[in-house]
């Protein structure tokens, strides 16, 4: 009986350690995505578009891996804005359409309107 209790305690501790490990790992990934977006937006506001593009691409790739649709949509929106500034309107339109699809999936009305406004601005 004592061996069964000890075995059960070891199993419970093992499960707790595994849960804690994966929880911390997910927190670290979320923190990394947030830091990437913060850097990207900082460079974007400073109008250093090359650095901003680099960090938005990293944030997008991280968000696709972890299926964080909101960050993916935001990254695509800003990437489209940067591409439009650099004269690549066709690729900017494609990024905006994908971003708009994500926003529609998330049902974020303001962001959907923001993406539509930029699409119409690029098209005209």
PDB file of N, CA and C in Angstrom:
ATOM      1  N   UNK A   1       0.820  -1.200   0.000  1.00  0.00           N
ATOM      2  CA  UNK A   1       0.000   0.000   0.000  1.00  0.00           C
ATOM      3  C   UNK A   1       0.861   1.259   0.000  1.00  0.00           C
ATOM      4  N   UNK A   2       1.958   1.239   0.810  1.00  0.00           N
ATOM      5  CA  UNK A   2       2.833   2.396   0.865  1.00  0.00           C
ATOM      6  C   UNK A   2       3.518   2.636  -0.478  1.00  0.00           C
ATOM      7  N   UNK A   3       3.867   1.557  -1.163  1.00  0.00           N
ATOM      8  CA  UNK A   3       4.515   1.679  -2.464  1.00  0.00           C
ATOM      9  C   UNK A   3       3.555   2.300  -3.474  1.00  0.00           C
ATOM     10  N   UNK A   4       2.293   1.948  -3.419  1.00  0.00           N
ATOM     11  CA  UNK A   4       1.285   2.502  -4.317  1.00  0.00           C
ATOM     12  C   UNK A   4       1.118   4.001  -4.082  1.00  0.00           C
ATOM     13  N   UNK A   5       1.109   4.427  -2.842  1.00  0.00           N
ATOM     14  CA  UNK A   5       0.976   5.849  -2.513  1.00  0.00           C
ATOM     15  C   UNK A   5       2.202   6.624  -2.998  1.00  0.00           C
ATOM     16  N   UNK A   6       3.393   6.061  -2.790  1.00  0.00           N
ATOM     17  CA  UNK A   6       4.623   6.711  -3.247  1.00  0.00           C
ATOM     18  C   UNK A   6       4.631   6.801  -4.774  1.00  0.00           C
ATOM     19  N   UNK A   7       4.227   5.739  -5.434  1.00  0.00           N
ATOM     20  CA  UNK A   7       4.170   5.731  -6.895  1.00  0.00           C
ATOM     21  C   UNK A   7       3.195   6.786  -7.409  1.00  0.00           C
ATOM     22  N   UNK A   8       2.033   6.881  -6.781  1.00  0.00           N
ATOM     23  CA  UNK A   8       1.032   7.886  -7.171  1.00  0.00           C
ATOM     24  C   UNK A   8       1.574   9.298  -6.949  1.00  0.00           C
ATOM     25  N   UNK A   9       2.280   9.518  -5.843  1.00  0.00           N
ATOM     26  CA  UNK A   9       2.856  10.835  -5.564  1.00  0.00           C
ATOM     27  C   UNK A   9       3.907  11.199  -6.614  1.00  0.00           C
ATOM     28  N   UNK A  10       4.728  10.242  -6.998  1.00  0.00           N
ATOM     29  CA  UNK A  10       5.748  10.493  -8.019  1.00  0.00           C
ATOM     30  C   UNK A  10       5.081  10.846  -9.343  1.00  0.00           C
ATOM     31  N   UNK A  11       4.047  10.138  -9.703  1.00  0.00           N
ATOM     32  CA  UNK A  11       3.316  10.417 -10.944  1.00  0.00           C
ATOM     33  C   UNK A  11       2.713  11.818 -10.901  1.00  0.00           C
ATOM     34  N   UNK A  12       2.118  12.209  -9.789  1.00  0.00           N
ATOM     35  CA  UNK A  12       1.511  13.535  -9.655  1.00  0.00           C
ATOM     36  C   UNK A  12       2.579  14.627  -9.774  1.00  0.00           C
ATOM     37  N   UNK A  13       3.713  14.420  -9.139  1.00  0.00           N
ATOM     38  CA  UNK A  13       4.810  15.400  -9.226  1.00  0.00           C
ATOM     39  C   UNK A  13       5.308  15.493 -10.659  1.00  0.00           C
ATOM     40  N   UNK A  14       5.438  14.379 -11.337  1.00  0.00           N
ATOM     41  CA  UNK A  14       5.882  14.369 -12.728  1.00  0.00           C
ATOM     42  C   UNK A  14       4.900  15.145 -13.615  1.00  0.00           C
ATOM     43  N   UNK A  15       3.624  14.900 -13.433  1.00  0.00           N
ATOM     44  CA  UNK A  15       2.601  15.601 -14.216  1.00  0.00           C
ATOM     45  C   UNK A  15       2.661  17.103 -13.942  1.00  0.00           C
ATOM     46  N   UNK A  16       2.822  17.479 -12.677  1.00  0.00           N
ATOM     47  CA  UNK A  16       2.915  18.889 -12.309  1.00  0.00           C
ATOM     48  C   UNK A  16       4.119  19.543 -12.982  1.00  0.00           C
ATOM     49  N   UNK A  17       5.263  18.872 -12.979  1.00  0.00           N
ATOM     50  CA  UNK A  17       6.468  19.422 -13.599  1.00  0.00           C
ATOM     51  C   UNK A  17       6.271  19.594 -15.102  1.00  0.00           C
ATOM     52  N   UNK A  18       5.631  18.635 -15.752  1.00  0.00           N
ATOM     53  CA  UNK A  18       5.380  18.734 -17.188  1.00  0.00           C
ATOM     54  C   UNK A  18       4.440  19.902 -17.501  1.00  0.00           C
ATOM     55  N   UNK A  19       3.396  20.055 -16.727  1.00  0.00           N
ATOM     56  CA  UNK A  19       2.464  21.162 -16.942  1.00  0.00           C
ATOM     57  C   UNK A  19       3.177  22.493 -16.749  1.00  0.00           C
ATOM     58  N   UNK A  20       3.964  22.596 -15.713  1.00  0.00           N
ATOM     59  CA  UNK A  20       4.707  23.822 -15.440  1.00  0.00           C
ATOM     60  C   UNK A  20       5.685  24.133 -16.573  1.00  0.00           C
ATOM     61  N   UNK A  21       6.355  23.122 -17.076  1.00  0.00           N
ATOM     62  CA  UNK A  21       7.305  23.306 -18.173  1.00  0.00           C
ATOM     63  C   UNK A  21       6.609  23.857 -19.418  1.00  0.00           C
ATOM     64  N   UNK A  22       5.511  23.249 -19.822  1.00  0.00           N
ATOM     65  CA  UNK A  22       4.823  23.694 -21.025  1.00  0.00           C
ATOM     66  C   UNK A  22       4.155  25.053 -20.831  1.00  0.00           C
ATOM     67  N   UNK A  23       3.693  25.340 -19.632  1.00  0.00           N
ATOM     68  CA  UNK A  23       3.118  26.650 -19.350  1.00  0.00           C
ATOM     69  C   UNK A  23       4.184  27.734 -19.501  1.00  0.00           C
ATOM     70  N   UNK A  24       5.334  27.522 -18.908  1.00  0.00           N
ATOM     71  CA  UNK A  24       6.413  28.511 -19.002  1.00  0.00           C
ATOM     72  C   UNK A  24       6.905  28.656 -20.441  1.00  0.00           C
ATOM     73  N   UNK A  25       6.953  27.563 -21.139  1.00  0.00           N
ATOM     74  CA  UNK A  25       7.387  27.613 -22.536  1.00  0.00           C
ATOM     75  C   UNK A  25       6.411  28.440 -23.373  1.00  0.00           C
ATOM     76  N   UNK A  26       5.129  28.259 -23.145  1.00  0.00           N
ATOM     77  CA  UNK A  26       4.147  29.045 -23.895  1.00  0.00           C
ATOM     78  C   UNK A  26       4.221  30.519 -23.512  1.00  0.00           C
ATOM     79  N   UNK A  27       4.485  30.812 -22.250  1.00  0.00           N
ATOM     80  CA  UNK A  27       4.635  32.198 -21.810  1.00  0.00           C
ATOM     81  C   UNK A  27       5.851  32.847 -22.470  1.00  0.00           C
ATOM     82  N   UNK A  28       6.940  32.104 -22.590  1.00  0.00           N
ATOM     83  CA  UNK A  28       8.146  32.627 -23.227  1.00  0.00           C
ATOM     84  C   UNK A  28       7.901  32.919 -24.706  1.00  0.00           C
ATOM     85  N   UNK A  29       7.150  32.044 -25.372  1.00  0.00           N
ATOM     86  CA  UNK A  29       6.852  32.270 -26.783  1.00  0.00           C
ATOM     87  C   UNK A  29       5.981  33.507 -26.955  1.00  0.00           C
ATOM     88  N   UNK A  30       4.998  33.663 -26.080  1.00  0.00           N
ATOM     89  CA  UNK A  30       4.128  34.842 -26.159  1.00  0.00           C
ATOM     90  C   UNK A  30       4.926  36.114 -25.895  1.00  0.00           C
ATOM     91  N   UNK A  31       5.824  36.054 -24.931  1.00  0.00           N
ATOM     92  CA  UNK A  31       6.663  37.207 -24.621  1.00  0.00           C
ATOM     93  C   UNK A  31       7.555  37.549 -25.809  1.00  0.00           C
ATOM     94  N   UNK A  32       8.089  36.534 -26.465  1.00  0.00           N
ATOM     95  CA  UNK A  32       8.951  36.760 -27.623  1.00  0.00           C
ATOM     96  C   UNK A  32       8.178  37.445 -28.747  1.00  0.00           C
ATOM     97  N   UNK A  33       6.949  36.983 -29.010  1.00  0.00           N
ATOM     98  CA  UNK A  33       6.138  37.602 -30.053  1.00  0.00           C
ATOM     99  C   UNK A  33       5.821  39.052 -29.707  1.00  0.00           C
ATOM    100  N   UNK A  34       5.525  39.309 -28.448  1.00  0.00           N
ATOM    101  CA  UNK A  34       5.231  40.673 -28.015  1.00  0.00           C
ATOM    102  C   UNK A  34       6.450  41.576 -28.185  1.00  0.00           C
ATOM    103  N   UNK A  35       7.617  41.072 -27.833  1.00  0.00           N
ATOM    104  CA  UNK A  35       8.843  41.856 -27.992  1.00  0.00           C
ATOM    105  C   UNK A  35       9.136  42.131 -29.462  1.00  0.00           C
ATOM    106  N   UNK A  36       8.910  41.151 -30.320  1.00  0.00           N
ATOM    107  CA  UNK A  36       9.124  41.357 -31.746  1.00  0.00           C
ATOM    108  C   UNK A  36       8.183  42.426 -32.297  1.00  0.00           C
ATOM    109  N   UNK A  37       6.919  42.366 -31.907  1.00  0.00           N
ATOM    110  CA  UNK A  37       5.954  43.361 -32.362  1.00  0.00           C
ATOM    111  C   UNK A  37       6.309  44.749 -31.827  1.00  0.00           C
ATOM    112  N   UNK A  38       6.746  44.815 -30.587  1.00  0.00           N
ATOM    113  CA  UNK A  38       7.131  46.103 -30.003  1.00  0.00           C
ATOM    114  C   UNK A  38       8.302  46.709 -30.769  1.00  0.00           C
ATOM    115  N   UNK A  39       9.302  45.905 -31.063  1.00  0.00           N
ATOM    116  CA  UNK A  39      10.450  46.399 -31.842  1.00  0.00           C
ATOM    117  C   UNK A  39      10.010  46.828 -33.229  1.00  0.00           C
ATOM    118  N   UNK A  40       9.173  46.019 -33.853  1.00  0.00           N
ATOM    119  CA  UNK A  40       8.712  46.327 -35.207  1.00  0.00           C
ATOM    120  C   UNK A  40       7.952  47.650 -35.240  1.00  0.00           C
ATOM    121  N   UNK A  41       7.057  47.834 -34.311  1.00  0.00           N
ATOM    122  CA  UNK A  41       6.255  49.065 -34.278  1.00  0.00           C
ATOM    123  C   UNK A  41       7.125  50.268 -33.936  1.00  0.00           C
ATOM    124  N   UNK A  42       8.113  50.061 -33.067  1.00  0.00           N
ATOM    125  CA  UNK A  42       9.034  51.152 -32.738  1.00  0.00           C
ATOM    126  C   UNK A  42       9.787  51.609 -33.983  1.00  0.00           C
ATOM    127  N   UNK A  43      10.330  50.661 -34.734  1.00  0.00           N
ATOM    128  CA  UNK A  43      11.030  51.022 -35.970  1.00  0.00           C
ATOM    129  C   UNK A  43      10.072  51.621 -36.997  1.00  0.00           C
ATOM    130  N   UNK A  44       8.856  51.119 -37.037  1.00  0.00           N
ATOM    131  CA  UNK A  44       7.854  51.637 -37.971  1.00  0.00           C
ATOM    132  C   UNK A  44       7.557  53.105 -37.669  1.00  0.00           C
ATOM    133  N   UNK A  45       7.374  53.422 -36.400  1.00  0.00           N
ATOM    134  CA  UNK A  45       7.077  54.808 -36.012  1.00  0.00           C
ATOM    135  C   UNK A  45       8.261  55.733 -36.249  1.00  0.00           C
ATOM    136  N   UNK A  46       9.455  55.186 -36.191  1.00  0.00           N
ATOM    137  CA  UNK A  46      10.657  55.984 -36.487  1.00  0.00           C
ATOM    138  C   UNK A  46      10.913  56.078 -37.987  1.00  0.00           C
ATOM    139  N   UNK A  47      10.043  55.451 -38.761  1.00  0.00           N
ATOM    140  CA  UNK A  47      10.121  55.404 -40.215  1.00  0.00           C
ATOM    141  C   UNK A  47      11.383  54.708 -40.708  1.00  0.00           C
ATOM    142  N   UNK A  48      11.880  53.772 -39.924  1.00  0.00           N
ATOM    143  CA  UNK A  48      12.984  52.898 -40.339  1.00  0.00           C
ATOM    144  C   UNK A  48      12.326  51.616 -40.862  1.00  0.00           C
ATOM    145  N   UNK A  49      11.846  51.689 -42.100  1.00  0.00           N
ATOM    146  CA  UNK A  49      10.987  50.635 -42.640  1.00  0.00           C
ATOM    147  C   UNK A  49      11.710  49.322 -42.901  1.00  0.00           C
ATOM    148  N   UNK A  50      12.987  49.370 -43.179  1.00  0.00           N
ATOM    149  CA  UNK A  50      13.719  48.119 -43.408  1.00  0.00           C
ATOM    150  C   UNK A  50      13.781  47.280 -42.126  1.00  0.00           C
ATOM    151  N   UNK A  51      14.132  47.920 -41.024  1.00  0.00           N
ATOM    152  CA  UNK A  51      14.179  47.211 -39.742  1.00  0.00           C
ATOM    153  C   UNK A  51      12.778  46.784 -39.311  1.00  0.00           C
ATOM    154  N   UNK A  52      11.807  47.657 -39.523  1.00  0.00           N
ATOM    155  CA  UNK A  52      10.422  47.325 -39.155  1.00  0.00           C
ATOM    156  C   UNK A  52       9.946  46.107 -39.941  1.00  0.00           C
ATOM    157  N   UNK A  53      10.250  46.090 -41.234  1.00  0.00           N
ATOM    158  CA  UNK A  53       9.850  44.952 -42.078  1.00  0.00           C
ATOM    159  C   UNK A  53      10.469  43.660 -41.565  1.00  0.00           C
ATOM    160  N   UNK A  54      11.740  43.722 -41.202  1.00  0.00           N
ATOM    161  CA  UNK A  54      12.434  42.546 -40.683  1.00  0.00           C
ATOM    162  C   UNK A  54      11.730  42.001 -39.441  1.00  0.00           C
ATOM    163  N   UNK A  55      11.415  42.875 -38.492  1.00  0.00           N
ATOM    164  CA  UNK A  55      10.788  42.421 -37.253  1.00  0.00           C
ATOM    165  C   UNK A  55       9.328  42.007 -37.458  1.00  0.00           C
ATOM    166  N   UNK A  56       8.612  42.659 -38.374  1.00  0.00           N
ATOM    167  CA  UNK A  56       7.246  42.221 -38.667  1.00  0.00           C
ATOM    168  C   UNK A  56       7.250  40.831 -39.299  1.00  0.00           C
ATOM    169  N   UNK A  57       8.234  40.571 -40.161  1.00  0.00           N
ATOM    170  CA  UNK A  57       8.337  39.239 -40.761  1.00  0.00           C
ATOM    171  C   UNK A  57       8.631  38.182 -39.703  1.00  0.00           C
ATOM    172  N   UNK A  58       9.527  38.513 -38.766  1.00  0.00           N
ATOM    173  CA  UNK A  58       9.806  37.571 -37.675  1.00  0.00           C
ATOM    174  C   UNK A  58       8.563  37.327 -36.819  1.00  0.00           C
ATOM    175  N   UNK A  59       7.857  38.401 -36.491  1.00  0.00           N
ATOM    176  CA  UNK A  59       6.641  38.268 -35.679  1.00  0.00           C
ATOM    177  C   UNK A  59       5.592  37.439 -36.416  1.00  0.00           C
ATOM    178  N   UNK A  60       5.467  37.666 -37.721  1.00  0.00           N
ATOM    179  CA  UNK A  60       4.509  36.888 -38.509  1.00  0.00           C
ATOM    180  C   UNK A  60       4.863  35.411 -38.481  1.00  0.00           C
ATOM    181  N   UNK A  61       6.135  35.094 -38.721  1.00  0.00           N
ATOM    182  CA  UNK A  61       6.559  33.688 -38.720  1.00  0.00           C
ATOM    183  C   UNK A  61       6.330  33.032 -37.360  1.00  0.00           C
ATOM    184  N   UNK A  62       6.633  33.741 -36.296  1.00  0.00           N
ATOM    185  CA  UNK A  62       6.396  33.205 -34.944  1.00  0.00           C
ATOM    186  C   UNK A  62       4.906  32.991 -34.701  1.00  0.00           C
ATOM    187  N   UNK A  63       4.089  33.928 -35.154  1.00  0.00           N
ATOM    188  CA  UNK A  63       2.654  33.821 -34.901  1.00  0.00           C
ATOM    189  C   UNK A  63       2.013  32.711 -35.718  1.00  0.00           C
ATOM    190  N   UNK A  64       2.513  32.472 -36.917  1.00  0.00           N
ATOM    191  CA  UNK A  64       1.981  31.379 -37.739  1.00  0.00           C
ATOM    192  C   UNK A  64       2.311  30.040 -37.094  1.00  0.00           C
ATOM    193  N   UNK A  65       3.536  29.921 -36.564  1.00  0.00           N
ATOM    194  CA  UNK A  65       3.924  28.682 -35.896  1.00  0.00           C
ATOM    195  C   UNK A  65       3.033  28.379 -34.703  1.00  0.00           C
ATOM    196  N   UNK A  66       2.709  29.417 -33.940  1.00  0.00           N
ATOM    197  CA  UNK A  66       1.923  29.210 -32.722  1.00  0.00           C
ATOM    198  C   UNK A  66       0.432  29.453 -32.934  1.00  0.00           C
ATOM    199  N   UNK A  67       0.045  29.720 -34.180  1.00  0.00           N
ATOM    200  CA  UNK A  67      -1.346  29.941 -34.548  1.00  0.00           C
ATOM    201  C   UNK A  67      -1.970  31.116 -33.801  1.00  0.00           C
ATOM    202  N   UNK A  68      -1.210  32.189 -33.649  1.00  0.00           N
ATOM    203  CA  UNK A  68      -1.700  33.421 -33.039  1.00  0.00           C
ATOM    204  C   UNK A  68      -2.172  34.325 -34.175  1.00  0.00           C
ATOM    205  N   UNK A  69      -3.445  34.231 -34.496  1.00  0.00           N
ATOM    206  CA  UNK A  69      -3.995  34.878 -35.682  1.00  0.00           C
ATOM    207  C   UNK A  69      -3.954  36.395 -35.576  1.00  0.00           C
ATOM    208  N   UNK A  70      -4.177  36.926 -34.396  1.00  0.00           N
ATOM    209  CA  UNK A  70      -4.204  38.381 -34.241  1.00  0.00           C
ATOM    210  C   UNK A  70      -2.850  39.010 -34.600  1.00  0.00           C
ATOM    211  N   UNK A  71      -1.780  38.450 -34.075  1.00  0.00           N
ATOM    212  CA  UNK A  71      -0.452  38.991 -34.375  1.00  0.00           C
ATOM    213  C   UNK A  71      -0.114  38.774 -35.852  1.00  0.00           C
ATOM    214  N   UNK A  72      -0.528  37.663 -36.407  1.00  0.00           N
ATOM    215  CA  UNK A  72      -0.300  37.424 -37.841  1.00  0.00           C
ATOM    216  C   UNK A  72      -1.005  38.488 -38.676  1.00  0.00           C
ATOM    217  N   UNK A  73      -2.241  38.795 -38.320  1.00  0.00           N
ATOM    218  CA  UNK A  73      -3.002  39.798 -39.066  1.00  0.00           C
ATOM    219  C   UNK A  73      -2.369  41.176 -38.946  1.00  0.00           C
ATOM    220  N   UNK A  74      -1.974  41.557 -37.745  1.00  0.00           N
ATOM    221  CA  UNK A  74      -1.339  42.862 -37.539  1.00  0.00           C
ATOM    222  C   UNK A  74      -0.026  42.951 -38.301  1.00  0.00           C
ATOM    223  N   UNK A  75       0.760  41.886 -38.253  1.00  0.00           N
ATOM    224  CA  UNK A  75       2.042  41.872 -38.963  1.00  0.00           C
ATOM    225  C   UNK A  75       1.829  42.042 -40.463  1.00  0.00           C
ATOM    226  N   UNK A  76       0.856  41.329 -41.003  1.00  0.00           N
ATOM    227  CA  UNK A  76       0.580  41.439 -42.436  1.00  0.00           C
ATOM    228  C   UNK A  76       0.103  42.840 -42.808  1.00  0.00           C
ATOM    229  N   UNK A  77      -0.715  43.437 -41.950  1.00  0.00           N
ATOM    230  CA  UNK A  77      -1.202  44.791 -42.225  1.00  0.00           C
ATOM    231  C   UNK A  77      -0.031  45.770 -42.327  1.00  0.00           C
ATOM    232  N   UNK A  78       0.849  45.730 -41.342  1.00  0.00           N
ATOM    233  CA  UNK A  78       1.980  46.656 -41.345  1.00  0.00           C
ATOM    234  C   UNK A  78       2.969  46.337 -42.468  1.00  0.00           C
ATOM    235  N   UNK A  79       3.155  45.063 -42.765  1.00  0.00           N
ATOM    236  CA  UNK A  79       4.008  44.702 -43.894  1.00  0.00           C
ATOM    237  C   UNK A  79       3.440  45.253 -45.200  1.00  0.00           C
ATOM    238  N   UNK A  80       2.126  45.189 -45.345  1.00  0.00           N
ATOM    239  CA  UNK A  80       1.488  45.739 -46.540  1.00  0.00           C
ATOM    240  C   UNK A  80       1.691  47.251 -46.611  1.00  0.00           C
ATOM    241  N   UNK A  81       1.580  47.903 -45.481  1.00  0.00           N
ATOM    242  CA  UNK A  81       1.794  49.347 -45.434  1.00  0.00           C
ATOM    243  C   UNK A  81       3.213  49.687 -45.884  1.00  0.00           C
ATOM    244  N   UNK A  82       4.191  48.926 -45.379  1.00  0.00           N
ATOM    245  CA  UNK A  82       5.595  49.155 -45.736  1.00  0.00           C
ATOM    246  C   UNK A  82       5.829  48.853 -47.215  1.00  0.00           C
ATOM    247  N   UNK A  83       5.273  47.755 -47.701  1.00  0.00           N
ATOM    248  CA  UNK A  83       5.432  47.417 -49.114  1.00  0.00           C
ATOM    249  C   UNK A  83       4.832  48.489 -50.014  1.00  0.00           C
ATOM    250  N   UNK A  84       3.703  49.029 -49.601  1.00  0.00           N
ATOM    251  CA  UNK A  84       3.073  50.102 -50.361  1.00  0.00           C
ATOM    252  C   UNK A  84       3.980  51.331 -50.388  1.00  0.00           C
ATOM    253  N   UNK A  85       4.585  51.655 -49.269  1.00  0.00           N
ATOM    254  CA  UNK A  85       5.524  52.794 -49.211  1.00  0.00           C
ATOM    255  C   UNK A  85       6.713  52.576 -50.146  1.00  0.00           C
ATOM    256  N   UNK A  86       7.134  51.312 -50.258  1.00  0.00           N
ATOM    257  CA  UNK A  86       8.284  50.986 -51.108  1.00  0.00           C
ATOM    258  C   UNK A  86       7.894  50.778 -52.572  1.00  0.00           C
ATOM    259  N   UNK A  87       6.607  50.909 -52.895  1.00  0.00           N
ATOM    260  CA  UNK A  87       6.161  50.831 -54.281  1.00  0.00           C
ATOM    261  C   UNK A  87       5.705  49.467 -54.759  1.00  0.00           C
ATOM    262  N   UNK A  88       5.689  48.476 -53.914  1.00  0.00           N
ATOM    263  CA  UNK A  88       5.248  47.128 -54.302  1.00  0.00           C
ATOM    264  C   UNK A  88       3.760  46.985 -53.955  1.00  0.00           C
ATOM    265  N   UNK A  89       2.910  47.623 -54.751  1.00  0.00           N
ATOM    266  CA  UNK A  89       1.482  47.667 -54.425  1.00  0.00           C
ATOM    267  C   UNK A  89       0.788  46.320 -54.599  1.00  0.00           C
ATOM    268  N   UNK A  90       1.235  45.523 -55.564  1.00  0.00           N
ATOM    269  CA  UNK A  90       0.582  44.221 -55.798  1.00  0.00           C
ATOM    270  C   UNK A  90       0.750  43.295 -54.593  1.00  0.00           C
ATOM    271  N   UNK A  91       1.979  43.202 -54.072  1.00  0.00           N
ATOM    272  CA  UNK A  91       2.232  42.363 -52.908  1.00  0.00           C
ATOM    273  C   UNK A  91       1.537  42.949 -51.675  1.00  0.00           C
ATOM    274  N   UNK A  92       1.498  44.263 -51.592  1.00  0.00           N
ATOM    275  CA  UNK A  92       0.813  44.918 -50.470  1.00  0.00           C
ATOM    276  C   UNK A  92      -0.666  44.557 -50.468  1.00  0.00           C
ATOM    277  N   UNK A  93      -1.283  44.561 -51.651  1.00  0.00           N
ATOM    278  CA  UNK A  93      -2.700  44.190 -51.751  1.00  0.00           C
ATOM    279  C   UNK A  93      -2.928  42.744 -51.304  1.00  0.00           C
ATOM    280  N   UNK A  94      -2.022  41.843 -51.698  1.00  0.00           N
ATOM    281  CA  UNK A  94      -2.165  40.437 -51.300  1.00  0.00           C
ATOM    282  C   UNK A  94      -2.052  40.285 -49.781  1.00  0.00           C
ATOM    283  N   UNK A  95      -1.089  40.973 -49.189  1.00  0.00           N
ATOM    284  CA  UNK A  95      -0.934  40.914 -47.734  1.00  0.00           C
ATOM    285  C   UNK A  95      -2.161  41.469 -47.030  1.00  0.00           C
ATOM    286  N   UNK A  96      -2.701  42.560 -47.568  1.00  0.00           N
ATOM    287  CA  UNK A  96      -3.893  43.157 -46.956  1.00  0.00           C
ATOM    288  C   UNK A  96      -5.099  42.231 -47.053  1.00  0.00           C
ATOM    289  N   UNK A  97      -5.241  41.546 -48.179  1.00  0.00           N
ATOM    290  CA  UNK A  97      -6.362  40.615 -48.320  1.00  0.00           C
ATOM    291  C   UNK A  97      -6.244  39.472 -47.314  1.00  0.00           C
ATOM    292  N   UNK A  98      -5.032  38.958 -47.134  1.00  0.00           N
ATOM    293  CA  UNK A  98      -4.834  37.898 -46.145  1.00  0.00           C
ATOM    294  C   UNK A  98      -5.081  38.423 -44.739  1.00  0.00           C
ATOM    295  N   UNK A  99      -4.614  39.624 -44.480  1.00  0.00           N
ATOM    296  CA  UNK A  99      -4.844  40.252 -43.177  1.00  0.00           C
ATOM    297  C   UNK A  99      -6.346  40.446 -42.935  1.00  0.00           C
ATOM    298  N   UNK A 100      -7.036  40.888 -43.963  1.00  0.00           N
ATOM    299  CA  UNK A 100      -8.485  41.084 -43.859  1.00  0.00           C
ATOM    300  C   UNK A 100      -9.200  39.759 -43.570  1.00  0.00           C
ATOM    301  N   UNK A 101      -8.751  38.682 -44.188  1.00  0.00           N
ATOM    302  CA  UNK A 101      -9.335  37.360 -43.911  1.00  0.00           C
ATOM    303  C   UNK A 101      -9.165  36.987 -42.438  1.00  0.00           C
ATOM    304  N   UNK A 102      -7.978  37.249 -41.909  1.00  0.00           N
ATOM    305  CA  UNK A 102      -7.739  36.972 -40.485  1.00  0.00           C
ATOM    306  C   UNK A 102      -8.643  37.825 -39.597  1.00  0.00           C
ATOM    307  N   UNK A 103      -8.752  39.105 -39.934  1.00  0.00           N
ATOM    308  CA  UNK A 103      -9.603  39.999 -39.138  1.00  0.00           C
ATOM    309  C   UNK A 103     -11.065  39.564 -39.196  1.00  0.00           C
ATOM    310  N   UNK A 104     -11.513  39.126 -40.364  1.00  0.00           N
ATOM    311  CA  UNK A 104     -12.890  38.643 -40.486  1.00  0.00           C
ATOM    312  C   UNK A 104     -13.102  37.388 -39.648  1.00  0.00           C
ATOM    313  N   UNK A 105     -12.116  36.512 -39.651  1.00  0.00           N
ATOM    314  CA  UNK A 105     -12.192  35.301 -38.833  1.00  0.00           C
ATOM    315  C   UNK A 105     -12.291  35.667 -37.348  1.00  0.00           C
ATOM    316  N   UNK A 106     -11.524  36.686 -36.943  1.00  0.00           N
ATOM    317  CA  UNK A 106     -11.543  37.131 -35.542  1.00  0.00           C
ATOM    318  C   UNK A 106     -12.735  38.040 -35.240  1.00  0.00           C
ATOM    319  N   UNK A 107     -13.446  38.477 -36.280  1.00  0.00           N
ATOM    320  CA  UNK A 107     -14.598  39.369 -36.168  1.00  0.00           C
ATOM    321  C   UNK A 107     -14.211  40.683 -35.476  1.00  0.00           C
ATOM    322  N   UNK A 108     -13.137  41.284 -35.952  1.00  0.00           N
ATOM    323  CA  UNK A 108     -12.672  42.566 -35.425  1.00  0.00           C
ATOM    324  C   UNK A 108     -13.052  43.651 -36.428  1.00  0.00           C
ATOM    325  N   UNK A 109     -14.124  44.338 -36.135  1.00  0.00           N
ATOM    326  CA  UNK A 109     -14.717  45.310 -37.067  1.00  0.00           C
ATOM    327  C   UNK A 109     -13.784  46.471 -37.390  1.00  0.00           C
ATOM    328  N   UNK A 110     -13.169  47.065 -36.362  1.00  0.00           N
ATOM    329  CA  UNK A 110     -12.314  48.233 -36.589  1.00  0.00           C
ATOM    330  C   UNK A 110     -11.113  47.877 -37.454  1.00  0.00           C
ATOM    331  N   UNK A 111     -10.501  46.744 -37.178  1.00  0.00           N
ATOM    332  CA  UNK A 111      -9.342  46.327 -37.959  1.00  0.00           C
ATOM    333  C   UNK A 111      -9.731  45.983 -39.384  1.00  0.00           C
ATOM    334  N   UNK A 112     -10.926  45.393 -39.554  1.00  0.00           N
ATOM    335  CA  UNK A 112     -11.405  45.086 -40.897  1.00  0.00           C
ATOM    336  C   UNK A 112     -11.556  46.378 -41.700  1.00  0.00           C
ATOM    337  N   UNK A 113     -12.115  47.396 -41.068  1.00  0.00           N
ATOM    338  CA  UNK A 113     -12.296  48.676 -41.745  1.00  0.00           C
ATOM    339  C   UNK A 113     -10.950  49.322 -42.062  1.00  0.00           C
ATOM    340  N   UNK A 114     -10.012  49.208 -41.132  1.00  0.00           N
ATOM    341  CA  UNK A 114      -8.673  49.759 -41.331  1.00  0.00           C
ATOM    342  C   UNK A 114      -8.013  49.099 -42.542  1.00  0.00           C
ATOM    343  N   UNK A 115      -8.124  47.794 -42.668  1.00  0.00           N
ATOM    344  CA  UNK A 115      -7.535  47.073 -43.804  1.00  0.00           C
ATOM    345  C   UNK A 115      -8.245  47.445 -45.106  1.00  0.00           C
ATOM    346  N   UNK A 116      -9.572  47.554 -45.062  1.00  0.00           N
ATOM    347  CA  UNK A 116     -10.320  47.934 -46.268  1.00  0.00           C
ATOM    348  C   UNK A 116      -9.941  49.334 -46.731  1.00  0.00           C
ATOM    349  N   UNK A 117      -9.774  50.248 -45.778  1.00  0.00           N
ATOM    350  CA  UNK A 117      -9.384  51.614 -46.132  1.00  0.00           C
ATOM    351  C   UNK A 117      -8.033  51.642 -46.829  1.00  0.00           C
ATOM    352  N   UNK A 118      -7.093  50.852 -46.334  1.00  0.00           N
ATOM    353  CA  UNK A 118      -5.764  50.826 -46.959  1.00  0.00           C
ATOM    354  C   UNK A 118      -5.826  50.146 -48.332  1.00  0.00           C
ATOM    355  N   UNK A 119      -6.666  49.130 -48.469  1.00  0.00           N
ATOM    356  CA  UNK A 119      -6.828  48.489 -49.786  1.00  0.00           C
ATOM    357  C   UNK A 119      -7.379  49.491 -50.786  1.00  0.00           C
ATOM    358  N   UNK A 120      -8.387  50.255 -50.391  1.00  0.00           N
ATOM    359  CA  UNK A 120      -8.970  51.239 -51.318  1.00  0.00           C
ATOM    360  C   UNK A 120      -7.970  52.353 -51.623  1.00  0.00           C
ATOM    361  N   UNK A 121      -7.158  52.723 -50.648  1.00  0.00           N
ATOM    362  CA  UNK A 121      -6.136  53.761 -50.863  1.00  0.00           C
ATOM    363  C   UNK A 121      -5.090  53.263 -51.863  1.00  0.00           C
ATOM    364  N   UNK A 122      -4.700  51.993 -51.742  1.00  0.00           N
ATOM    365  CA  UNK A 122      -3.706  51.428 -52.658  1.00  0.00           C
ATOM    366  C   UNK A 122      -4.284  51.288 -54.065  1.00  0.00           C
ATOM    367  N   UNK A 123      -5.554  50.889 -54.147  1.00  0.00           N
ATOM    368  CA  UNK A 123      -6.180  50.643 -55.445  1.00  0.00           C
ATOM    369  C   UNK A 123      -6.407  51.922 -56.236  1.00  0.00           C
ATOM    370  N   UNK A 124      -6.536  53.031 -55.534  1.00  0.00           N
ATOM    371  CA  UNK A 124      -6.825  54.282 -56.271  1.00  0.00           C
ATOM    372  C   UNK A 124      -5.599  54.995 -56.736  1.00  0.00           C
TER     373      UNK A 124
END
